Amino acid sequence: MAKKPAPKPKAEDKPPVLEWIMGALGLLIVLGVLGVILSEAFGPRDPAALEARLVEARPSPTGWLAEIEVENAGDETAAQVEIEGRLGAETASATLDYVPARSRERLTLGFDADPRSGLTLHTKGFTEP
């Protein structure tokens, strides 16, 4: 009995060119995402860089409320951020639980006088979580 020759693949059995193109595109996207993740995970990181500024001042029944925005321009999160505001001889302070990297948080300080003139803000300290 003679062996039958193996059937030749038909044109329909070969993957279409579009399938190869989409597979290559998917591979490039996956490799790109992995590259970004690895560079963020192992690349250099700037420490927390905190800056406080007065956003709004409004009167209240007990004095004035100063809304303060604290911006972290660094790549690290800052925890237990202590902000102090001085208006003449008066001092007010508050602590933010944390300020994530590249973000902003708000807090409110209370004063007897209008804080729009003469308020100085200081970041007294923070910890690294």
N, C-alpha and C. Protein backbone atom coordinates (compact mmCIF):
# COMPACT_ATOMS: atom_id res chain seq x y z
N MET A 1 0.83 -1.16 0.00
CA MET A 1 0.00 0.00 0.00
C MET A 1 0.89 1.24 0.00
N ALA A 2 0.61 2.16 -0.85
CA ALA A 2 1.43 3.36 -1.01
C ALA A 2 0.94 4.44 -0.05
N LYS A 3 1.93 5.18 0.45
CA LYS A 3 1.58 6.29 1.35
C LYS A 3 0.99 7.43 0.56
N LYS A 4 0.00 8.02 1.14
CA LYS A 4 -0.60 9.18 0.50
C LYS A 4 0.24 10.41 0.86
N PRO A 5 0.51 11.27 -0.09
CA PRO A 5 1.28 12.46 0.23
C PRO A 5 0.48 13.36 1.18
N ALA A 6 1.24 14.05 2.06
CA ALA A 6 0.60 14.97 3.02
C ALA A 6 -0.06 16.10 2.24
N PRO A 7 -1.25 16.48 2.68
CA PRO A 7 -1.94 17.55 1.95
C PRO A 7 -1.20 18.87 2.12
N LYS A 8 -1.13 19.63 1.05
CA LYS A 8 -0.48 20.94 1.09
C LYS A 8 -1.41 21.93 1.79
N PRO A 9 -0.81 22.83 2.60
CA PRO A 9 -1.67 23.81 3.26
C PRO A 9 -2.33 24.71 2.23
N LYS A 10 -3.57 24.97 2.51
CA LYS A 10 -4.33 25.85 1.62
C LYS A 10 -4.06 27.30 2.00
N ALA A 11 -4.36 28.18 1.10
CA ALA A 11 -4.14 29.60 1.35
C ALA A 11 -4.97 30.08 2.55
N GLU A 12 -6.11 29.45 2.79
CA GLU A 12 -6.96 29.86 3.92
C GLU A 12 -6.35 29.44 5.25
N ASP A 13 -5.44 28.46 5.29
CA ASP A 13 -4.85 27.98 6.53
C ASP A 13 -3.75 28.91 7.05
N LYS A 14 -3.17 29.73 6.21
CA LYS A 14 -2.11 30.64 6.62
C LYS A 14 -2.73 31.86 7.31
N PRO A 15 -2.07 32.32 8.40
CA PRO A 15 -2.62 33.51 9.06
C PRO A 15 -2.56 34.71 8.13
N PRO A 16 -3.60 35.51 8.12
CA PRO A 16 -3.60 36.69 7.26
C PRO A 16 -2.56 37.72 7.73
N VAL A 17 -2.13 38.57 6.84
CA VAL A 17 -1.13 39.59 7.15
C VAL A 17 -1.63 40.53 8.24
N LEU A 18 -2.91 40.86 8.23
CA LEU A 18 -3.46 41.75 9.25
C LEU A 18 -3.31 41.15 10.65
N GLU A 19 -3.44 39.84 10.75
CA GLU A 19 -3.28 39.17 12.05
C GLU A 19 -1.85 39.33 12.56
N TRP A 20 -0.88 39.22 11.69
CA TRP A 20 0.52 39.41 12.07
C TRP A 20 0.78 40.87 12.49
N ILE A 21 0.21 41.79 11.76
CA ILE A 21 0.39 43.21 12.07
C ILE A 21 -0.21 43.52 13.45
N MET A 22 -1.41 43.02 13.72
CA MET A 22 -2.06 43.29 15.01
C MET A 22 -1.29 42.61 16.15
N GLY A 23 -0.76 41.43 15.92
CA GLY A 23 0.04 40.75 16.94
C GLY A 23 1.30 41.55 17.26
N ALA A 24 1.97 42.07 16.22
CA ALA A 24 3.17 42.88 16.44
C ALA A 24 2.84 44.17 17.16
N LEU A 25 1.72 44.79 16.81
CA LEU A 25 1.30 46.01 17.48
C LEU A 25 1.00 45.74 18.97
N GLY A 26 0.33 44.65 19.25
CA GLY A 26 0.06 44.28 20.65
C GLY A 26 1.33 44.05 21.43
N LEU A 27 2.32 43.39 20.82
CA LEU A 27 3.60 43.16 21.47
C LEU A 27 4.30 44.48 21.77
N LEU A 28 4.29 45.42 20.83
CA LEU A 28 4.91 46.73 21.05
C LEU A 28 4.25 47.49 22.19
N ILE A 29 2.93 47.41 22.26
CA ILE A 29 2.21 48.10 23.34
C ILE A 29 2.56 47.49 24.69
N VAL A 30 2.56 46.18 24.78
CA VAL A 30 2.90 45.51 26.05
C VAL A 30 4.33 45.84 26.47
N LEU A 31 5.28 45.79 25.55
CA LEU A 31 6.66 46.11 25.88
C LEU A 31 6.81 47.57 26.29
N GLY A 32 6.08 48.47 25.65
CA GLY A 32 6.12 49.88 26.03
C GLY A 32 5.59 50.12 27.43
N VAL A 33 4.47 49.48 27.76
CA VAL A 33 3.90 49.63 29.11
C VAL A 33 4.86 49.06 30.15
N LEU A 34 5.44 47.92 29.89
CA LEU A 34 6.41 47.35 30.83
C LEU A 34 7.62 48.26 31.00
N GLY A 35 8.07 48.87 29.92
CA GLY A 35 9.19 49.81 30.01
C GLY A 35 8.88 51.00 30.90
N VAL A 36 7.68 51.56 30.75
CA VAL A 36 7.29 52.71 31.58
C VAL A 36 7.18 52.30 33.04
N ILE A 37 6.58 51.16 33.31
CA ILE A 37 6.44 50.69 34.70
C ILE A 37 7.81 50.47 35.33
N LEU A 38 8.72 49.84 34.62
CA LEU A 38 10.06 49.58 35.17
C LEU A 38 10.85 50.87 35.37
N SER A 39 10.72 51.81 34.46
CA SER A 39 11.45 53.07 34.63
C SER A 39 10.90 53.86 35.82
N GLU A 40 9.59 53.81 36.04
CA GLU A 40 9.01 54.48 37.21
C GLU A 40 9.40 53.78 38.51
N ALA A 41 9.48 52.47 38.47
CA ALA A 41 9.78 51.71 39.68
C ALA A 41 11.25 51.84 40.09
N PHE A 42 12.15 51.85 39.13
CA PHE A 42 13.57 51.81 39.45
C PHE A 42 14.33 53.09 39.10
N GLY A 43 13.66 54.06 38.51
CA GLY A 43 14.32 55.30 38.12
C GLY A 43 14.54 56.22 39.31
N PRO A 44 15.30 57.29 39.12
CA PRO A 44 15.53 58.23 40.23
C PRO A 44 14.24 58.95 40.60
N ARG A 45 14.09 59.23 41.90
CA ARG A 45 12.89 59.89 42.39
C ARG A 45 13.30 61.13 43.18
N ASP A 46 12.61 62.23 42.91
CA ASP A 46 12.86 63.47 43.65
C ASP A 46 12.16 63.39 45.00
N PRO A 47 12.77 63.93 46.05
CA PRO A 47 12.10 63.94 47.35
C PRO A 47 10.88 64.86 47.32
N ALA A 48 10.07 64.76 48.34
CA ALA A 48 8.89 65.62 48.44
C ALA A 48 9.32 67.08 48.46
N ALA A 49 8.64 67.90 47.68
CA ALA A 49 8.91 69.34 47.62
C ALA A 49 7.60 70.05 47.90
N LEU A 50 7.42 70.51 49.14
CA LEU A 50 6.15 71.07 49.57
C LEU A 50 6.16 72.60 49.52
N GLU A 51 5.05 73.15 49.04
CA GLU A 51 4.87 74.59 49.00
C GLU A 51 3.43 74.90 49.43
N ALA A 52 3.29 75.81 50.39
CA ALA A 52 1.97 76.20 50.89
C ALA A 52 1.66 77.61 50.41
N ARG A 53 0.38 77.83 50.04
CA ARG A 53 -0.04 79.16 49.62
C ARG A 53 -1.48 79.40 50.04
N LEU A 54 -1.79 80.66 50.27
CA LEU A 54 -3.14 81.07 50.64
C LEU A 54 -4.03 81.06 49.41
N VAL A 55 -5.16 80.35 49.49
CA VAL A 55 -6.09 80.27 48.38
C VAL A 55 -7.26 81.23 48.59
N GLU A 56 -7.79 81.24 49.81
CA GLU A 56 -8.97 82.05 50.08
C GLU A 56 -9.00 82.42 51.56
N ALA A 57 -9.51 83.60 51.84
CA ALA A 57 -9.73 84.05 53.22
C ALA A 57 -11.17 84.50 53.33
N ARG A 58 -11.85 84.03 54.37
CA ARG A 58 -13.26 84.41 54.54
C ARG A 58 -13.56 84.61 56.03
N PRO A 59 -14.44 85.55 56.31
CA PRO A 59 -14.78 85.79 57.72
C PRO A 59 -15.65 84.66 58.27
N SER A 60 -15.52 84.44 59.55
CA SER A 60 -16.35 83.46 60.25
C SER A 60 -16.83 84.11 61.55
N PRO A 61 -17.77 83.48 62.25
CA PRO A 61 -18.25 84.08 63.50
C PRO A 61 -17.17 84.26 64.56
N THR A 62 -16.09 83.48 64.48
CA THR A 62 -15.03 83.56 65.50
C THR A 62 -13.77 84.24 65.00
N GLY A 63 -13.76 84.79 63.80
CA GLY A 63 -12.56 85.44 63.26
C GLY A 63 -12.49 85.26 61.75
N TRP A 64 -11.33 84.87 61.28
CA TRP A 64 -11.11 84.65 59.85
C TRP A 64 -10.61 83.23 59.61
N LEU A 65 -11.04 82.65 58.50
CA LEU A 65 -10.56 81.33 58.09
C LEU A 65 -9.72 81.49 56.83
N ALA A 66 -8.52 80.94 56.88
CA ALA A 66 -7.61 81.00 55.73
C ALA A 66 -7.52 79.60 55.14
N GLU A 67 -7.97 79.46 53.89
CA GLU A 67 -7.86 78.16 53.21
C GLU A 67 -6.49 78.10 52.54
N ILE A 68 -5.73 77.09 52.90
CA ILE A 68 -4.35 76.94 52.44
C ILE A 68 -4.27 75.73 51.53
N GLU A 69 -3.55 75.87 50.42
CA GLU A 69 -3.30 74.75 49.51
C GLU A 69 -1.83 74.37 49.63
N VAL A 70 -1.58 73.08 49.86
CA VAL A 70 -0.22 72.57 49.96
C VAL A 70 0.03 71.71 48.73
N GLU A 71 1.05 72.09 47.96
CA GLU A 71 1.38 71.35 46.74
C GLU A 71 2.68 70.58 46.94
N ASN A 72 2.67 69.32 46.51
CA ASN A 72 3.87 68.49 46.55
C ASN A 72 4.35 68.31 45.11
N ALA A 73 5.42 68.99 44.75
CA ALA A 73 5.95 68.91 43.39
C ALA A 73 6.95 67.77 43.23
N GLY A 74 7.25 67.05 44.30
CA GLY A 74 8.23 65.96 44.25
C GLY A 74 7.61 64.63 43.85
N ASP A 75 8.48 63.62 43.77
CA ASP A 75 8.06 62.27 43.39
C ASP A 75 7.75 61.37 44.58
N GLU A 76 7.99 61.84 45.79
CA GLU A 76 7.75 61.05 46.99
C GLU A 76 6.56 61.62 47.77
N THR A 77 5.83 60.75 48.45
CA THR A 77 4.71 61.17 49.29
C THR A 77 5.24 61.69 50.62
N ALA A 78 4.62 62.73 51.14
CA ALA A 78 4.96 63.28 52.45
C ALA A 78 3.82 62.99 53.41
N ALA A 79 4.15 62.48 54.59
CA ALA A 79 3.15 62.15 55.60
C ALA A 79 3.33 63.07 56.81
N GLN A 80 2.25 63.25 57.57
CA GLN A 80 2.27 64.07 58.78
C GLN A 80 2.88 65.45 58.49
N VAL A 81 2.34 66.12 57.48
CA VAL A 81 2.86 67.41 57.04
C VAL A 81 2.34 68.50 57.98
N GLU A 82 3.25 69.19 58.65
CA GLU A 82 2.89 70.26 59.58
C GLU A 82 3.04 71.60 58.87
N ILE A 83 1.93 72.35 58.82
CA ILE A 83 1.91 73.66 58.20
C ILE A 83 1.63 74.69 59.29
N GLU A 84 2.43 75.75 59.31
CA GLU A 84 2.27 76.81 60.29
C GLU A 84 2.05 78.13 59.56
N GLY A 85 1.07 78.89 60.02
CA GLY A 85 0.80 80.21 59.48
C GLY A 85 0.97 81.26 60.56
N ARG A 86 1.67 82.35 60.22
CA ARG A 86 1.89 83.44 61.17
C ARG A 86 1.30 84.72 60.61
N LEU A 87 0.54 85.37 61.45
CA LEU A 87 -0.07 86.66 61.09
C LEU A 87 0.20 87.60 62.25
N GLY A 88 1.26 88.40 62.11
CA GLY A 88 1.69 89.25 63.22
C GLY A 88 2.21 88.37 64.35
N ALA A 89 1.65 88.56 65.55
CA ALA A 89 2.06 87.76 66.70
C ALA A 89 1.26 86.46 66.81
N GLU A 90 0.24 86.33 65.99
CA GLU A 90 -0.64 85.16 66.06
C GLU A 90 -0.11 84.01 65.20
N THR A 91 -0.18 82.81 65.74
CA THR A 91 0.29 81.62 65.01
C THR A 91 -0.81 80.57 65.02
N ALA A 92 -1.02 79.94 63.86
CA ALA A 92 -1.95 78.81 63.74
C ALA A 92 -1.25 77.70 62.97
N SER A 93 -1.58 76.47 63.32
CA SER A 93 -0.94 75.35 62.63
C SER A 93 -1.93 74.22 62.45
N ALA A 94 -1.61 73.37 61.49
CA ALA A 94 -2.44 72.19 61.22
C ALA A 94 -1.53 71.11 60.62
N THR A 95 -1.99 69.87 60.71
CA THR A 95 -1.23 68.73 60.18
C THR A 95 -2.08 67.99 59.16
N LEU A 96 -1.50 67.77 57.99
CA LEU A 96 -2.14 66.94 56.96
C LEU A 96 -1.64 65.51 57.12
N ASP A 97 -2.54 64.55 57.01
CA ASP A 97 -2.12 63.15 57.13
C ASP A 97 -1.07 62.80 56.10
N TYR A 98 -1.33 63.15 54.86
CA TYR A 98 -0.33 62.92 53.81
C TYR A 98 -0.64 63.80 52.61
N VAL A 99 0.41 64.06 51.82
CA VAL A 99 0.29 64.78 50.55
C VAL A 99 0.98 63.90 49.51
N PRO A 100 0.21 63.23 48.66
CA PRO A 100 0.82 62.34 47.67
C PRO A 100 1.73 63.09 46.70
N ALA A 101 2.59 62.34 46.03
CA ALA A 101 3.49 62.92 45.04
C ALA A 101 2.69 63.58 43.92
N ARG A 102 3.19 64.72 43.46
CA ARG A 102 2.59 65.46 42.35
C ARG A 102 1.10 65.75 42.57
N SER A 103 0.76 66.21 43.77
CA SER A 103 -0.66 66.48 44.06
C SER A 103 -0.78 67.69 44.97
N ARG A 104 -2.04 68.03 45.28
CA ARG A 104 -2.35 69.16 46.15
C ARG A 104 -3.36 68.72 47.20
N GLU A 105 -3.22 69.28 48.39
CA GLU A 105 -4.19 69.06 49.47
C GLU A 105 -4.50 70.42 50.08
N ARG A 106 -5.67 70.50 50.72
CA ARG A 106 -6.09 71.78 51.34
C ARG A 106 -6.32 71.60 52.83
N LEU A 107 -6.11 72.70 53.55
CA LEU A 107 -6.39 72.75 54.98
C LEU A 107 -6.85 74.16 55.31
N THR A 108 -7.40 74.34 56.50
CA THR A 108 -7.90 75.65 56.92
C THR A 108 -7.27 76.03 58.24
N LEU A 109 -6.79 77.28 58.32
CA LEU A 109 -6.23 77.83 59.55
C LEU A 109 -7.12 78.99 60.00
N GLY A 110 -7.25 79.15 61.31
CA GLY A 110 -8.08 80.22 61.86
C GLY A 110 -7.25 81.34 62.45
N PHE A 111 -7.68 82.59 62.19
CA PHE A 111 -6.98 83.78 62.71
C PHE A 111 -8.00 84.79 63.20
N ASP A 112 -7.53 85.72 64.04
CA ASP A 112 -8.40 86.79 64.54
C ASP A 112 -8.56 87.91 63.52
N ALA A 113 -7.51 88.16 62.71
CA ALA A 113 -7.53 89.25 61.73
C ALA A 113 -7.57 88.68 60.31
N ASP A 114 -7.77 89.56 59.34
CA ASP A 114 -7.81 89.16 57.93
C ASP A 114 -6.43 88.67 57.49
N PRO A 115 -6.30 87.42 57.07
CA PRO A 115 -4.98 86.88 56.72
C PRO A 115 -4.48 87.26 55.33
N ARG A 116 -5.26 88.00 54.56
CA ARG A 116 -4.82 88.37 53.21
C ARG A 116 -3.65 89.34 53.20
N SER A 117 -3.42 89.99 54.34
CA SER A 117 -2.29 90.92 54.41
C SER A 117 -1.34 90.48 55.52
N GLY A 118 -0.18 90.03 55.13
CA GLY A 118 0.84 89.71 56.12
C GLY A 118 0.92 88.27 56.57
N LEU A 119 0.20 87.36 55.97
CA LEU A 119 0.27 85.95 56.36
C LEU A 119 1.53 85.31 55.79
N THR A 120 2.31 84.67 56.64
CA THR A 120 3.46 83.89 56.17
C THR A 120 3.21 82.43 56.51
N LEU A 121 3.50 81.56 55.55
CA LEU A 121 3.27 80.12 55.72
C LEU A 121 4.60 79.38 55.69
N HIS A 122 4.71 78.38 56.56
CA HIS A 122 5.92 77.57 56.64
C HIS A 122 5.53 76.10 56.73
N THR A 123 6.31 75.28 56.08
CA THR A 123 6.20 73.83 56.26
C THR A 123 7.17 73.48 57.38
N LYS A 124 6.66 73.10 58.54
CA LYS A 124 7.50 72.83 59.69
C LYS A 124 8.21 71.47 59.62
N GLY A 125 7.58 70.51 58.95
CA GLY A 125 8.21 69.19 58.83
C GLY A 125 7.23 68.17 58.30
N PHE A 126 7.79 67.01 57.93
CA PHE A 126 6.98 65.88 57.46
C PHE A 126 7.79 64.61 57.59
N THR A 127 7.13 63.49 57.46
CA THR A 127 7.81 62.20 57.49
C THR A 127 7.61 61.49 56.17
N GLU A 128 8.45 60.51 55.91
CA GLU A 128 8.30 59.67 54.72
C GLU A 128 7.53 58.42 55.13
N PRO A 129 6.43 58.16 54.46
CA PRO A 129 5.63 56.98 54.87
C PRO A 129 6.32 55.66 54.49
